[in-house]
Amino acid sequence: MSILLAVIMVVFGVAAVLTVIRIVRGPSILDRAVASDVLLTEVMCVLGAEMAINGHTRSIPVLLIIAAIGVFGSIAVARFVARRDNTTP
């Protein structure tokens, strides 16, 4: 089981590093928004894998909060981009 946990952490760690690079480099705000959604999804997957490996459900409220943050963050960015596009000639 520890080998499986190590493989999961390495895969998600590499994915998280690549996602953070995309957040930093951009080039647009929409690229950064998608990358931040991917990062939140990766965190949720790590928590879900940890729950499955250890056989508990204590992290489900945390998963729900992270999902809500992702949804509301995406909506906020979409509204910001829509308003910015309407104001440019």
N, C-alpha and C. Protein backbone atom coordinates (compact mmCIF):
# COMPACT_ATOMS: atom_id res chain seq x y z
N MET A 1 0.82 -1.20 0.00
CA MET A 1 0.00 0.00 0.00
C MET A 1 0.87 1.26 0.00
N SER A 2 2.03 1.21 0.64
CA SER A 2 2.88 2.39 0.68
C SER A 2 3.47 2.70 -0.70
N ILE A 3 3.68 1.67 -1.53
CA ILE A 3 4.17 1.90 -2.88
C ILE A 3 3.10 2.63 -3.70
N LEU A 4 1.86 2.20 -3.55
CA LEU A 4 0.75 2.86 -4.24
C LEU A 4 0.63 4.31 -3.81
N LEU A 5 0.74 4.57 -2.53
CA LEU A 5 0.67 5.94 -2.02
C LEU A 5 1.81 6.78 -2.57
N ALA A 6 3.01 6.21 -2.65
CA ALA A 6 4.16 6.94 -3.18
C ALA A 6 3.95 7.27 -4.65
N VAL A 7 3.45 6.33 -5.42
CA VAL A 7 3.21 6.57 -6.84
C VAL A 7 2.15 7.66 -7.02
N ILE A 8 1.08 7.59 -6.24
CA ILE A 8 0.02 8.59 -6.33
C ILE A 8 0.56 9.98 -6.00
N MET A 9 1.35 10.08 -4.96
CA MET A 9 1.88 11.38 -4.56
C MET A 9 2.86 11.93 -5.60
N VAL A 10 3.66 11.07 -6.21
CA VAL A 10 4.59 11.54 -7.24
C VAL A 10 3.83 12.04 -8.45
N VAL A 11 2.83 11.29 -8.90
CA VAL A 11 2.06 11.70 -10.07
C VAL A 11 1.33 13.01 -9.82
N PHE A 12 0.66 13.10 -8.68
CA PHE A 12 -0.05 14.34 -8.39
C PHE A 12 0.91 15.49 -8.09
N GLY A 13 2.07 15.20 -7.54
CA GLY A 13 3.07 16.25 -7.31
C GLY A 13 3.58 16.84 -8.60
N VAL A 14 3.89 15.98 -9.57
CA VAL A 14 4.35 16.46 -10.87
C VAL A 14 3.24 17.26 -11.56
N ALA A 15 2.02 16.77 -11.50
CA ALA A 15 0.90 17.49 -12.09
C ALA A 15 0.70 18.85 -11.42
N ALA A 16 0.85 18.91 -10.10
CA ALA A 16 0.69 20.18 -9.39
C ALA A 16 1.78 21.17 -9.77
N VAL A 17 3.01 20.70 -9.91
CA VAL A 17 4.11 21.59 -10.30
C VAL A 17 3.87 22.14 -11.70
N LEU A 18 3.45 21.29 -12.63
CA LEU A 18 3.17 21.75 -13.98
C LEU A 18 2.00 22.74 -14.00
N THR A 19 1.02 22.51 -13.15
CA THR A 19 -0.12 23.42 -13.08
C THR A 19 0.28 24.77 -12.51
N VAL A 20 1.12 24.77 -11.50
CA VAL A 20 1.60 26.04 -10.92
C VAL A 20 2.42 26.80 -11.95
N ILE A 21 3.20 26.10 -12.75
CA ILE A 21 3.95 26.76 -13.82
C ILE A 21 3.00 27.43 -14.80
N ARG A 22 1.91 26.76 -15.14
CA ARG A 22 0.92 27.35 -16.05
C ARG A 22 0.26 28.56 -15.41
N ILE A 23 0.00 28.51 -14.11
CA ILE A 23 -0.59 29.66 -13.42
C ILE A 23 0.35 30.85 -13.47
N VAL A 24 1.63 30.62 -13.25
CA VAL A 24 2.61 31.71 -13.22
C VAL A 24 2.86 32.27 -14.61
N ARG A 25 2.99 31.41 -15.61
CA ARG A 25 3.38 31.86 -16.95
C ARG A 25 2.21 32.41 -17.76
N GLY A 26 1.02 32.01 -17.46
CA GLY A 26 -0.14 32.56 -18.17
C GLY A 26 -0.38 31.91 -19.51
N PRO A 27 -0.50 32.58 -20.57
CA PRO A 27 -0.34 34.01 -20.87
C PRO A 27 -1.60 34.84 -20.62
N SER A 28 -2.77 34.23 -20.56
CA SER A 28 -3.98 35.04 -20.35
C SER A 28 -4.62 34.68 -19.01
N ILE A 29 -5.57 35.51 -18.63
CA ILE A 29 -6.25 35.26 -17.36
C ILE A 29 -7.10 33.99 -17.43
N LEU A 30 -7.60 33.66 -18.62
CA LEU A 30 -8.39 32.44 -18.75
C LEU A 30 -7.51 31.20 -18.59
N ASP A 31 -6.27 31.26 -19.10
CA ASP A 31 -5.34 30.15 -18.89
C ASP A 31 -5.06 29.95 -17.40
N ARG A 32 -4.88 31.05 -16.71
CA ARG A 32 -4.63 30.98 -15.27
C ARG A 32 -5.85 30.45 -14.52
N ALA A 33 -7.04 30.83 -14.94
CA ALA A 33 -8.26 30.36 -14.29
C ALA A 33 -8.44 28.85 -14.49
N VAL A 34 -8.19 28.38 -15.69
CA VAL A 34 -8.31 26.94 -15.96
C VAL A 34 -7.26 26.19 -15.15
N ALA A 35 -6.04 26.72 -15.09
CA ALA A 35 -4.99 26.05 -14.33
C ALA A 35 -5.32 26.02 -12.84
N SER A 36 -5.92 27.08 -12.32
CA SER A 36 -6.28 27.07 -10.90
C SER A 36 -7.41 26.06 -10.64
N ASP A 37 -8.32 25.90 -11.59
CA ASP A 37 -9.36 24.87 -11.45
C ASP A 37 -8.73 23.48 -11.47
N VAL A 38 -7.75 23.29 -12.33
CA VAL A 38 -7.06 22.00 -12.39
C VAL A 38 -6.33 21.73 -11.07
N LEU A 39 -5.71 22.76 -10.50
CA LEU A 39 -5.01 22.59 -9.23
C LEU A 39 -5.98 22.23 -8.11
N LEU A 40 -7.13 22.88 -8.08
CA LEU A 40 -8.14 22.52 -7.07
C LEU A 40 -8.63 21.09 -7.27
N THR A 41 -8.79 20.69 -8.52
CA THR A 41 -9.21 19.32 -8.80
C THR A 41 -8.15 18.32 -8.36
N GLU A 42 -6.89 18.66 -8.56
CA GLU A 42 -5.81 17.78 -8.11
C GLU A 42 -5.81 17.64 -6.59
N VAL A 43 -6.06 18.73 -5.90
CA VAL A 43 -6.12 18.66 -4.44
C VAL A 43 -7.29 17.77 -4.02
N MET A 44 -8.41 17.91 -4.69
CA MET A 44 -9.56 17.06 -4.38
C MET A 44 -9.26 15.59 -4.65
N CYS A 45 -8.55 15.31 -5.73
CA CYS A 45 -8.20 13.92 -6.05
C CYS A 45 -7.24 13.34 -5.02
N VAL A 46 -6.30 14.15 -4.56
CA VAL A 46 -5.37 13.67 -3.53
C VAL A 46 -6.13 13.37 -2.24
N LEU A 47 -7.04 14.26 -1.86
CA LEU A 47 -7.84 14.00 -0.66
C LEU A 47 -8.71 12.76 -0.83
N GLY A 48 -9.29 12.59 -2.01
CA GLY A 48 -10.10 11.41 -2.26
C GLY A 48 -9.28 10.13 -2.23
N ALA A 49 -8.08 10.17 -2.80
CA ALA A 49 -7.21 9.00 -2.77
C ALA A 49 -6.78 8.69 -1.34
N GLU A 50 -6.50 9.72 -0.57
CA GLU A 50 -6.12 9.51 0.83
C GLU A 50 -7.28 8.88 1.62
N MET A 51 -8.50 9.34 1.35
CA MET A 51 -9.65 8.75 2.03
C MET A 51 -9.84 7.30 1.63
N ALA A 52 -9.64 6.99 0.34
CA ALA A 52 -9.82 5.62 -0.12
C ALA A 52 -8.74 4.70 0.45
N ILE A 53 -7.52 5.19 0.51
CA ILE A 53 -6.42 4.35 1.03
C ILE A 53 -6.57 4.10 2.52
N ASN A 54 -6.94 5.14 3.27
CA ASN A 54 -7.05 5.00 4.72
C ASN A 54 -8.44 4.56 5.19
N GLY A 55 -9.41 4.49 4.28
CA GLY A 55 -10.72 3.97 4.61
C GLY A 55 -11.54 4.84 5.55
N HIS A 56 -11.56 6.14 5.32
CA HIS A 56 -12.39 7.03 6.14
C HIS A 56 -13.09 8.04 5.25
N THR A 57 -14.02 8.78 5.83
CA THR A 57 -14.76 9.80 5.08
C THR A 57 -14.74 11.15 5.78
N ARG A 58 -13.75 11.39 6.61
CA ARG A 58 -13.69 12.64 7.38
C ARG A 58 -13.41 13.86 6.51
N SER A 59 -12.88 13.69 5.32
CA SER A 59 -12.49 14.82 4.47
C SER A 59 -13.57 15.25 3.49
N ILE A 60 -14.73 14.64 3.55
CA ILE A 60 -15.80 14.99 2.61
C ILE A 60 -16.24 16.45 2.74
N PRO A 61 -16.38 17.03 3.94
CA PRO A 61 -16.71 18.46 4.01
C PRO A 61 -15.65 19.35 3.37
N VAL A 62 -14.40 18.97 3.51
CA VAL A 62 -13.32 19.74 2.89
C VAL A 62 -13.44 19.66 1.37
N LEU A 63 -13.76 18.48 0.85
CA LEU A 63 -13.94 18.32 -0.59
C LEU A 63 -15.08 19.20 -1.10
N LEU A 64 -16.16 19.27 -0.35
CA LEU A 64 -17.29 20.11 -0.76
C LEU A 64 -16.92 21.59 -0.76
N ILE A 65 -16.17 22.02 0.22
CA ILE A 65 -15.75 23.43 0.28
C ILE A 65 -14.81 23.75 -0.87
N ILE A 66 -13.88 22.86 -1.16
CA ILE A 66 -12.95 23.09 -2.28
C ILE A 66 -13.72 23.14 -3.60
N ALA A 67 -14.70 22.26 -3.78
CA ALA A 67 -15.51 22.27 -5.00
C ALA A 67 -16.28 23.58 -5.13
N ALA A 68 -16.84 24.06 -4.03
CA ALA A 68 -17.59 25.32 -4.06
C ALA A 68 -16.67 26.49 -4.40
N ILE A 69 -15.47 26.50 -3.84
CA ILE A 69 -14.51 27.56 -4.15
C ILE A 69 -14.17 27.54 -5.64
N GLY A 70 -13.99 26.35 -6.18
CA GLY A 70 -13.68 26.24 -7.61
C GLY A 70 -14.80 26.76 -8.49
N VAL A 71 -16.03 26.39 -8.16
CA VAL A 71 -17.17 26.84 -8.96
C VAL A 71 -17.34 28.34 -8.88
N PHE A 72 -17.33 28.88 -7.67
CA PHE A 72 -17.53 30.32 -7.51
C PHE A 72 -16.35 31.12 -8.08
N GLY A 73 -15.16 30.58 -7.99
CA GLY A 73 -14.00 31.24 -8.59
C GLY A 73 -14.11 31.29 -10.10
N SER A 74 -14.54 30.21 -10.71
CA SER A 74 -14.71 30.17 -12.17
C SER A 74 -15.79 31.15 -12.61
N ILE A 75 -16.87 31.22 -11.87
CA ILE A 75 -17.94 32.17 -12.20
C ILE A 75 -17.43 33.60 -12.09
N ALA A 76 -16.67 33.90 -11.05
CA ALA A 76 -16.14 35.25 -10.87
C ALA A 76 -15.20 35.64 -12.00
N VAL A 77 -14.34 34.74 -12.39
CA VAL A 77 -13.41 35.03 -13.49
C VAL A 77 -14.17 35.21 -14.79
N ALA A 78 -15.16 34.37 -15.05
CA ALA A 78 -15.94 34.50 -16.28
C ALA A 78 -16.68 35.83 -16.33
N ARG A 79 -17.24 36.26 -15.21
CA ARG A 79 -17.92 37.56 -15.18
C ARG A 79 -16.94 38.70 -15.37
N PHE A 80 -15.75 38.59 -14.78
CA PHE A 80 -14.73 39.63 -14.93
C PHE A 80 -14.30 39.74 -16.39
N VAL A 81 -14.05 38.62 -17.03
CA VAL A 81 -13.61 38.63 -18.42
C VAL A 81 -14.72 39.14 -19.32
N ALA A 82 -15.97 38.78 -19.04
CA ALA A 82 -17.09 39.25 -19.85
C ALA A 82 -17.25 40.76 -19.73
N ARG A 83 -17.10 41.30 -18.54
CA ARG A 83 -17.21 42.76 -18.37
C ARG A 83 -16.05 43.47 -19.04
N ARG A 84 -14.87 42.90 -18.95
CA ARG A 84 -13.70 43.52 -19.56
C ARG A 84 -13.83 43.52 -21.08
N ASP A 85 -14.38 42.44 -21.64
CA ASP A 85 -14.55 42.37 -23.10
C ASP A 85 -15.61 43.35 -23.60
N ASN A 86 -16.61 43.62 -22.77
CA ASN A 86 -17.66 44.57 -23.17
C ASN A 86 -17.20 46.01 -23.17
N THR A 87 -16.21 46.35 -22.35
CA THR A 87 -15.76 47.73 -22.23
C THR A 87 -14.70 48.11 -23.27
N THR A 88 -14.04 47.14 -23.86
CA THR A 88 -13.02 47.46 -24.86
C THR A 88 -13.67 47.73 -26.20
N PRO A 89 -13.21 48.77 -26.90
CA PRO A 89 -13.84 49.12 -28.20
C PRO A 89 -13.46 48.17 -29.30
